[in-house]
Amino acid sequence: MKFVQIIDFETERLDEMEQIFEEAGQRSGGRAGGPTHRTLLKDRDNPNRYLALIEFDSYEEAMRNSDDPETGRMAERLGALCIGDRVYTNCDVLDTRDLA
């Protein structure tokens, strides 16, 4: 079952965070078990708040990725650019479809 982790965070340094996401994507590109898709959302009512939706093929693959030391280093770098704490929400994907 597909799995999505939602990371809710605030920052004034999104450009720097995007660079870290880009570097991580280049390192993990094509690696089995890594993230398969990322969506970044900006809160229209709070200009410093963002939601990153990180998709994996399964919960188990997400947890293996989470245990990877490189993922830990990336999370530390991202955390240093955040205002306050990040909030993580773990979701099983039950349904996805195009509505148009």
C-alpha atoms as a PDB file:
ATOM      1  CA  MET A   1       0.000   0.000   0.000  1.00  0.00           C
ATOM      2  CA  LYS A   2       1.343   3.429  -0.927  1.00  0.00           C
ATOM      3  CA  PHE A   3       2.356   5.630   1.987  1.00  0.00           C
ATOM      4  CA  VAL A   4       2.698   9.410   2.342  1.00  0.00           C
ATOM      5  CA  GLN A   5       4.470  11.304   5.078  1.00  0.00           C
ATOM      6  CA  ILE A   6       3.311  14.903   5.481  1.00  0.00           C
ATOM      7  CA  ILE A   7       5.828  17.312   6.991  1.00  0.00           C
ATOM      8  CA  ASP A   8       4.275  20.545   8.248  1.00  0.00           C
ATOM      9  CA  PHE A   9       6.863  23.268   8.810  1.00  0.00           C
ATOM     10  CA  GLU A  10       7.506  26.997   8.831  1.00  0.00           C
ATOM     11  CA  THR A  11      10.521  28.731   7.339  1.00  0.00           C
ATOM     12  CA  GLU A  12      11.720  32.018   5.933  1.00  0.00           C
ATOM     13  CA  ARG A  13      14.485  30.152   4.074  1.00  0.00           C
ATOM     14  CA  LEU A  14      12.591  28.043   1.541  1.00  0.00           C
ATOM     15  CA  ASP A  15      15.212  28.518  -1.208  1.00  0.00           C
ATOM     16  CA  GLU A  16      17.857  26.905   1.002  1.00  0.00           C
ATOM     17  CA  MET A  17      15.482  24.074   1.909  1.00  0.00           C
ATOM     18  CA  GLU A  18      14.692  23.481  -1.770  1.00  0.00           C
ATOM     19  CA  GLN A  19      18.422  23.112  -2.433  1.00  0.00           C
ATOM     20  CA  ILE A  20      18.661  20.418   0.260  1.00  0.00           C
ATOM     21  CA  PHE A  21      15.616  18.615  -1.208  1.00  0.00           C
ATOM     22  CA  GLU A  22      17.229  18.802  -4.668  1.00  0.00           C
ATOM     23  CA  GLU A  23      20.533  17.382  -3.402  1.00  0.00           C
ATOM     24  CA  ALA A  24      18.693  14.565  -1.611  1.00  0.00           C
ATOM     25  CA  GLY A  25      16.718  13.762  -4.755  1.00  0.00           C
ATOM     26  CA  GLN A  26      19.908  13.511  -6.790  1.00  0.00           C
ATOM     27  CA  ARG A  27      21.485  11.188  -4.216  1.00  0.00           C
ATOM     28  CA  SER A  28      18.459   8.922  -3.916  1.00  0.00           C
ATOM     29  CA  GLY A  29      17.276   9.052  -7.533  1.00  0.00           C
ATOM     30  CA  GLY A  30      16.644   5.519  -8.754  1.00  0.00           C
ATOM     31  CA  ARG A  31      17.512   4.008  -5.359  1.00  0.00           C
ATOM     32  CA  ALA A  32      15.103   1.252  -4.373  1.00  0.00           C
ATOM     33  CA  GLY A  33      13.045   2.081  -1.308  1.00  0.00           C
ATOM     34  CA  GLY A  34      13.472   5.838  -1.445  1.00  0.00           C
ATOM     35  CA  PRO A  35      10.765   8.435  -1.945  1.00  0.00           C
ATOM     36  CA  THR A  36       8.899   8.134  -5.230  1.00  0.00           C
ATOM     37  CA  HIS A  37       7.211  11.547  -5.318  1.00  0.00           C
ATOM     38  CA  ARG A  38       7.264  14.891  -3.511  1.00  0.00           C
ATOM     39  CA  THR A  39       4.647  17.616  -3.475  1.00  0.00           C
ATOM     40  CA  LEU A  40       5.353  20.941  -1.768  1.00  0.00           C
ATOM     41  CA  LEU A  41       2.402  23.095  -0.711  1.00  0.00           C
ATOM     42  CA  LYS A  42       2.412  26.690   0.559  1.00  0.00           C
ATOM     43  CA  ASP A  43      -0.233  27.875   3.007  1.00  0.00           C
ATOM     44  CA  ARG A  44      -1.972  30.891   1.413  1.00  0.00           C
ATOM     45  CA  ASP A  45      -3.045  32.204   4.828  1.00  0.00           C
ATOM     46  CA  ASN A  46       0.364  31.869   6.511  1.00  0.00           C
ATOM     47  CA  PRO A  47       3.160  32.795   4.079  1.00  0.00           C
ATOM     48  CA  ASN A  48       5.898  31.017   6.076  1.00  0.00           C
ATOM     49  CA  ARG A  49       4.021  27.697   6.450  1.00  0.00           C
ATOM     50  CA  TYR A  50       4.552  24.776   4.090  1.00  0.00           C
ATOM     51  CA  LEU A  51       3.507  21.150   3.777  1.00  0.00           C
ATOM     52  CA  ALA A  52       5.787  18.619   2.099  1.00  0.00           C
ATOM     53  CA  LEU A  53       4.059  15.409   0.994  1.00  0.00           C
ATOM     54  CA  ILE A  54       6.641  12.652   0.522  1.00  0.00           C
ATOM     55  CA  GLU A  55       5.341   9.489  -1.165  1.00  0.00           C
ATOM     56  CA  PHE A  56       6.765   5.976  -0.819  1.00  0.00           C
ATOM     57  CA  ASP A  57       5.718   2.629  -2.260  1.00  0.00           C
ATOM     58  CA  SER A  58       5.018   1.347   1.270  1.00  0.00           C
ATOM     59  CA  TYR A  59       5.228   2.223   4.976  1.00  0.00           C
ATOM     60  CA  GLU A  60       8.047  -0.304   5.358  1.00  0.00           C
ATOM     61  CA  GLU A  61      10.141   1.394   2.664  1.00  0.00           C
ATOM     62  CA  ALA A  62       9.506   4.767   4.299  1.00  0.00           C
ATOM     63  CA  MET A  63      10.747   3.434   7.647  1.00  0.00           C
ATOM     64  CA  ARG A  64      13.874   1.961   6.023  1.00  0.00           C
ATOM     65  CA  ASN A  65      14.493   5.335   4.393  1.00  0.00           C
ATOM     66  CA  SER A  66      13.944   7.048   7.745  1.00  0.00           C
ATOM     67  CA  ASP A  67      16.599   4.798   9.345  1.00  0.00           C
ATOM     68  CA  ASP A  68      19.173   5.721   6.676  1.00  0.00           C
ATOM     69  CA  PRO A  69      21.903   7.923   8.238  1.00  0.00           C
ATOM     70  CA  GLU A  70      21.823  10.198   5.164  1.00  0.00           C
ATOM     71  CA  THR A  71      18.126  10.874   5.784  1.00  0.00           C
ATOM     72  CA  GLY A  72      18.968  11.815   9.379  1.00  0.00           C
ATOM     73  CA  ARG A  73      21.637  14.265   8.238  1.00  0.00           C
ATOM     74  CA  MET A  74      19.231  15.827   5.750  1.00  0.00           C
ATOM     75  CA  ALA A  75      16.544  16.175   8.444  1.00  0.00           C
ATOM     76  CA  GLU A  76      19.031  17.967  10.717  1.00  0.00           C
ATOM     77  CA  ARG A  77      19.955  20.411   7.948  1.00  0.00           C
ATOM     78  CA  LEU A  78      16.293  21.082   7.169  1.00  0.00           C
ATOM     79  CA  GLY A  79      15.438  21.476  10.845  1.00  0.00           C
ATOM     80  CA  ALA A  80      18.082  24.186  11.220  1.00  0.00           C
ATOM     81  CA  LEU A  81      16.224  26.224   8.572  1.00  0.00           C
ATOM     82  CA  CYS A  82      12.808  25.880  10.215  1.00  0.00           C
ATOM     83  CA  ILE A  83      10.983  28.212  12.556  1.00  0.00           C
ATOM     84  CA  GLY A  84       9.860  26.060  15.486  1.00  0.00           C
ATOM     85  CA  ASP A  85       9.206  22.345  15.315  1.00  0.00           C
ATOM     86  CA  ARG A  86       8.171  20.296  12.322  1.00  0.00           C
ATOM     87  CA  VAL A  87       5.046  18.151  12.573  1.00  0.00           C
ATOM     88  CA  TYR A  88       5.041  14.731  10.888  1.00  0.00           C
ATOM     89  CA  THR A  89       1.852  12.932   9.860  1.00  0.00           C
ATOM     90  CA  ASN A  90       2.019   9.371   8.503  1.00  0.00           C
ATOM     91  CA  CYS A  91      -0.733   8.331   6.081  1.00  0.00           C
ATOM     92  CA  ASP A  92      -1.660   5.191   4.170  1.00  0.00           C
ATOM     93  CA  VAL A  93      -2.967   6.123   0.719  1.00  0.00           C
ATOM     94  CA  LEU A  94      -6.463   4.646   0.384  1.00  0.00           C
ATOM     95  CA  ASP A  95      -7.487   6.316  -2.857  1.00  0.00           C
ATOM     96  CA  THR A  96      -6.153   8.691  -5.482  1.00  0.00           C
ATOM     97  CA  ARG A  97      -7.871   9.662  -8.709  1.00  0.00           C
ATOM     98  CA  ASP A  98      -8.173  12.363 -11.314  1.00  0.00           C
ATOM     99  CA  LEU A  99     -11.463  14.214 -11.095  1.00  0.00           C
ATOM    100  CA  ALA A 100     -11.385  16.062 -14.398  1.00  0.00           C
END
